[in-house]
Amino acid sequence: MKEKQFNEAINRFNKIIKKLHINSDIINKFKSGRRCFSNRTTLDNDIMLPIIKEHENKHDSLVYYSILSHTPWGDDVLDMLYVSKYEDEWYLGEITEDNYIYVASYNITTGYMEHGLILVDNYYGILVRIG
């Protein structure tokens, strides 16, 4: 299953790159086993990696990209783009025509986790959350 999830993640990366003109080096980083982040806060990997690993272990998912944002309310939120273990749910993770993507959002400040759509865009070649 992990290989199928990996291939699906590559497929999603290709669609995101084509649609939003994100830096294509991201696929090579992912293929080489590196975690792919967009970080617009001062938090580091020591905080983010355990959250990502916990989500992957708990849900048997593959997180292929994470966006760390600071909200206007002062919270740090980690949005994880992931491939579910359920293939019939994979369509949910596709980028929509109007640039929404279904993610797992973890509020680092409060410890609250939810799943839903976020609005994404290109910011100097990286994928970022804009809404």
C-alpha atoms as a PDB file:
ATOM      1  CA  MET A   1       0.000   0.000   0.000  1.00  0.00           C
ATOM      2  CA  LYS A   2       2.835   2.450   0.797  1.00  0.00           C
ATOM      3  CA  GLU A   3       4.095   2.214  -2.785  1.00  0.00           C
ATOM      4  CA  LYS A   4       0.614   3.014  -4.136  1.00  0.00           C
ATOM      5  CA  GLN A   5       0.356   5.963  -1.749  1.00  0.00           C
ATOM      6  CA  PHE A   6       3.807   7.160  -2.817  1.00  0.00           C
ATOM      7  CA  ASN A   7       2.843   6.999  -6.516  1.00  0.00           C
ATOM      8  CA  GLU A   8      -0.408   8.857  -5.792  1.00  0.00           C
ATOM      9  CA  ALA A   9       1.555  11.556  -3.969  1.00  0.00           C
ATOM     10  CA  ILE A  10       3.824  11.986  -7.022  1.00  0.00           C
ATOM     11  CA  ASN A  11       0.725  12.216  -9.213  1.00  0.00           C
ATOM     12  CA  ARG A  12      -0.713  14.949  -6.980  1.00  0.00           C
ATOM     13  CA  PHE A  13       2.589  16.841  -6.929  1.00  0.00           C
ATOM     14  CA  ASN A  14       2.638  16.831 -10.741  1.00  0.00           C
ATOM     15  CA  LYS A  15      -0.889  18.253 -10.882  1.00  0.00           C
ATOM     16  CA  ILE A  16      -0.106  20.953  -8.309  1.00  0.00           C
ATOM     17  CA  ILE A  17       3.107  21.911 -10.114  1.00  0.00           C
ATOM     18  CA  LYS A  18       1.319  22.127 -13.455  1.00  0.00           C
ATOM     19  CA  LYS A  19      -1.615  24.113 -12.086  1.00  0.00           C
ATOM     20  CA  LEU A  20       0.194  26.533  -9.761  1.00  0.00           C
ATOM     21  CA  HIS A  21       3.722  26.530 -11.243  1.00  0.00           C
ATOM     22  CA  ILE A  22       5.317  25.368  -7.994  1.00  0.00           C
ATOM     23  CA  ASN A  23       9.071  24.667  -8.062  1.00  0.00           C
ATOM     24  CA  SER A  24       9.380  21.177  -9.562  1.00  0.00           C
ATOM     25  CA  ASP A  25      12.408  20.298  -7.385  1.00  0.00           C
ATOM     26  CA  ILE A  26       9.887  19.350  -4.732  1.00  0.00           C
ATOM     27  CA  ILE A  27       9.245  15.997  -6.431  1.00  0.00           C
ATOM     28  CA  ASN A  28      12.935  15.092  -6.370  1.00  0.00           C
ATOM     29  CA  LYS A  29      13.166  15.975  -2.677  1.00  0.00           C
ATOM     30  CA  PHE A  30      10.132  13.825  -1.928  1.00  0.00           C
ATOM     31  CA  LYS A  31      11.452  10.915  -4.024  1.00  0.00           C
ATOM     32  CA  SER A  32      14.734  11.007  -2.117  1.00  0.00           C
ATOM     33  CA  GLY A  33      12.882  10.578   1.172  1.00  0.00           C
ATOM     34  CA  ARG A  34      12.996  14.171   2.379  1.00  0.00           C
ATOM     35  CA  ARG A  35      10.006  15.828   4.029  1.00  0.00           C
ATOM     36  CA  CYS A  36       8.574  18.711   2.041  1.00  0.00           C
ATOM     37  CA  PHE A  37       7.470  21.836   3.900  1.00  0.00           C
ATOM     38  CA  SER A  38       6.320  25.356   3.369  1.00  0.00           C
ATOM     39  CA  ASN A  39       7.232  27.188   6.550  1.00  0.00           C
ATOM     40  CA  ARG A  40       6.164  30.776   7.124  1.00  0.00           C
ATOM     41  CA  THR A  41       6.827  30.746  10.868  1.00  0.00           C
ATOM     42  CA  THR A  42       9.845  30.233  13.105  1.00  0.00           C
ATOM     43  CA  LEU A  43       8.899  26.695  14.188  1.00  0.00           C
ATOM     44  CA  ASP A  44      11.336  23.934  13.300  1.00  0.00           C
ATOM     45  CA  ASN A  45      11.277  20.268  12.365  1.00  0.00           C
ATOM     46  CA  ASP A  46      11.510  19.145  16.002  1.00  0.00           C
ATOM     47  CA  ILE A  47       7.942  20.342  16.411  1.00  0.00           C
ATOM     48  CA  MET A  48       6.511  19.426  12.999  1.00  0.00           C
ATOM     49  CA  LEU A  49       7.981  15.962  12.350  1.00  0.00           C
ATOM     50  CA  PRO A  50       6.407  14.270  15.403  1.00  0.00           C
ATOM     51  CA  ILE A  51       2.991  15.638  14.393  1.00  0.00           C
ATOM     52  CA  ILE A  52       3.409  14.321  10.844  1.00  0.00           C
ATOM     53  CA  LYS A  53       4.631  10.911  12.025  1.00  0.00           C
ATOM     54  CA  GLU A  54       1.756  10.627  14.486  1.00  0.00           C
ATOM     55  CA  HIS A  55      -0.785  11.356  11.724  1.00  0.00           C
ATOM     56  CA  GLU A  56       0.836   8.813   9.413  1.00  0.00           C
ATOM     57  CA  ASN A  57       0.943   6.121  12.110  1.00  0.00           C
ATOM     58  CA  LYS A  58      -2.552   6.756  13.455  1.00  0.00           C
ATOM     59  CA  HIS A  59      -4.224   6.865  10.025  1.00  0.00           C
ATOM     60  CA  ASP A  60      -1.861   4.663   7.992  1.00  0.00           C
ATOM     61  CA  SER A  61      -1.473   7.634   5.647  1.00  0.00           C
ATOM     62  CA  LEU A  62       1.388   9.221   3.732  1.00  0.00           C
ATOM     63  CA  VAL A  63       1.951  12.934   4.312  1.00  0.00           C
ATOM     64  CA  TYR A  64       3.615  14.283   1.186  1.00  0.00           C
ATOM     65  CA  TYR A  65       3.629  18.014   1.894  1.00  0.00           C
ATOM     66  CA  SER A  66       3.069  20.203   4.932  1.00  0.00           C
ATOM     67  CA  ILE A  67       2.268  23.879   5.143  1.00  0.00           C
ATOM     68  CA  LEU A  68       3.012  25.642   8.403  1.00  0.00           C
ATOM     69  CA  SER A  69       1.179  28.930   8.863  1.00  0.00           C
ATOM     70  CA  HIS A  70       0.665  31.521  11.556  1.00  0.00           C
ATOM     71  CA  THR A  71      -2.973  32.604  11.832  1.00  0.00           C
ATOM     72  CA  PRO A  72      -4.226  36.140  12.487  1.00  0.00           C
ATOM     73  CA  TRP A  73      -5.362  34.856  15.922  1.00  0.00           C
ATOM     74  CA  GLY A  74      -1.799  33.945  16.920  1.00  0.00           C
ATOM     75  CA  ASP A  75      -1.993  30.187  16.370  1.00  0.00           C
ATOM     76  CA  ASP A  76       0.490  28.037  14.455  1.00  0.00           C
ATOM     77  CA  VAL A  77      -1.268  25.546  12.179  1.00  0.00           C
ATOM     78  CA  LEU A  78       0.281  22.609  10.324  1.00  0.00           C
ATOM     79  CA  ASP A  79      -1.722  21.623   7.236  1.00  0.00           C
ATOM     80  CA  MET A  80      -0.763  18.144   6.046  1.00  0.00           C
ATOM     81  CA  LEU A  81      -1.448  17.101   2.471  1.00  0.00           C
ATOM     82  CA  TYR A  82      -1.717  13.344   2.645  1.00  0.00           C
ATOM     83  CA  VAL A  83      -2.711  10.186   0.812  1.00  0.00           C
ATOM     84  CA  SER A  84      -5.217   8.091   2.740  1.00  0.00           C
ATOM     85  CA  LYS A  85      -5.009   4.320   3.025  1.00  0.00           C
ATOM     86  CA  TYR A  86      -8.478   4.213   1.416  1.00  0.00           C
ATOM     87  CA  GLU A  87      -8.123   4.440  -2.352  1.00  0.00           C
ATOM     88  CA  ASP A  88     -11.796   5.359  -2.759  1.00  0.00           C
ATOM     89  CA  GLU A  89     -11.012   8.594  -0.845  1.00  0.00           C
ATOM     90  CA  TRP A  90      -8.077   9.643  -2.993  1.00  0.00           C
ATOM     91  CA  TYR A  91     -10.176  11.974  -5.125  1.00  0.00           C
ATOM     92  CA  LEU A  92     -10.566  14.180  -2.024  1.00  0.00           C
ATOM     93  CA  GLY A  93      -6.862  15.058  -2.103  1.00  0.00           C
ATOM     94  CA  GLU A  94      -6.872  16.357  -5.654  1.00  0.00           C
ATOM     95  CA  ILE A  95      -6.432  20.085  -6.134  1.00  0.00           C
ATOM     96  CA  THR A  96      -9.752  21.567  -7.240  1.00  0.00           C
ATOM     97  CA  GLU A  97     -10.359  23.906 -10.143  1.00  0.00           C
ATOM     98  CA  ASP A  98     -10.409  26.849  -7.730  1.00  0.00           C
ATOM     99  CA  ASN A  99      -7.228  25.735  -5.851  1.00  0.00           C
ATOM    100  CA  TYR A 100      -8.663  24.029  -2.780  1.00  0.00           C
ATOM    101  CA  ILE A 101      -7.054  20.907  -1.309  1.00  0.00           C
ATOM    102  CA  TYR A 102      -8.375  18.580   1.398  1.00  0.00           C
ATOM    103  CA  VAL A 103      -5.910  18.378   4.313  1.00  0.00           C
ATOM    104  CA  ALA A 104      -5.483  17.362   7.917  1.00  0.00           C
ATOM    105  CA  SER A 105      -4.981  20.587   9.896  1.00  0.00           C
ATOM    106  CA  TYR A 106      -3.304  20.437  13.279  1.00  0.00           C
ATOM    107  CA  ASN A 107      -3.408  23.549  15.437  1.00  0.00           C
ATOM    108  CA  ILE A 108      -0.065  23.373  17.238  1.00  0.00           C
ATOM    109  CA  THR A 109      -1.106  26.084  19.682  1.00  0.00           C
ATOM    110  CA  THR A 110      -4.320  24.386  20.872  1.00  0.00           C
ATOM    111  CA  GLY A 111      -3.650  20.741  19.979  1.00  0.00           C
ATOM    112  CA  TYR A 112      -6.870  20.588  17.922  1.00  0.00           C
ATOM    113  CA  MET A 113      -6.979  18.463  14.738  1.00  0.00           C
ATOM    114  CA  GLU A 114      -9.546  18.704  11.959  1.00  0.00           C
ATOM    115  CA  HIS A 115      -9.859  17.728   8.300  1.00  0.00           C
ATOM    116  CA  GLY A 116     -11.117  20.065   5.606  1.00  0.00           C
ATOM    117  CA  LEU A 117     -10.407  22.180   2.572  1.00  0.00           C
ATOM    118  CA  ILE A 118      -7.825  24.936   2.445  1.00  0.00           C
ATOM    119  CA  LEU A 119      -7.136  27.428  -0.328  1.00  0.00           C
ATOM    120  CA  VAL A 120      -3.578  27.244  -1.690  1.00  0.00           C
ATOM    121  CA  ASP A 121      -1.446  29.255  -4.084  1.00  0.00           C
ATOM    122  CA  ASN A 122       2.103  29.791  -5.310  1.00  0.00           C
ATOM    123  CA  TYR A 123       4.291  32.083  -3.226  1.00  0.00           C
ATOM    124  CA  TYR A 124       7.697  32.501  -4.880  1.00  0.00           C
ATOM    125  CA  GLY A 125       7.633  28.922  -6.114  1.00  0.00           C
ATOM    126  CA  ILE A 126       6.356  27.229  -2.960  1.00  0.00           C
ATOM    127  CA  LEU A 127       2.889  25.991  -2.084  1.00  0.00           C
ATOM    128  CA  VAL A 128       1.257  28.078   0.654  1.00  0.00           C
ATOM    129  CA  ARG A 129      -2.101  28.329   2.338  1.00  0.00           C
ATOM    130  CA  ILE A 130      -3.941  31.558   1.593  1.00  0.00           C
ATOM    131  CA  GLY A 131      -7.312  30.703   3.081  1.00  0.00           C
END
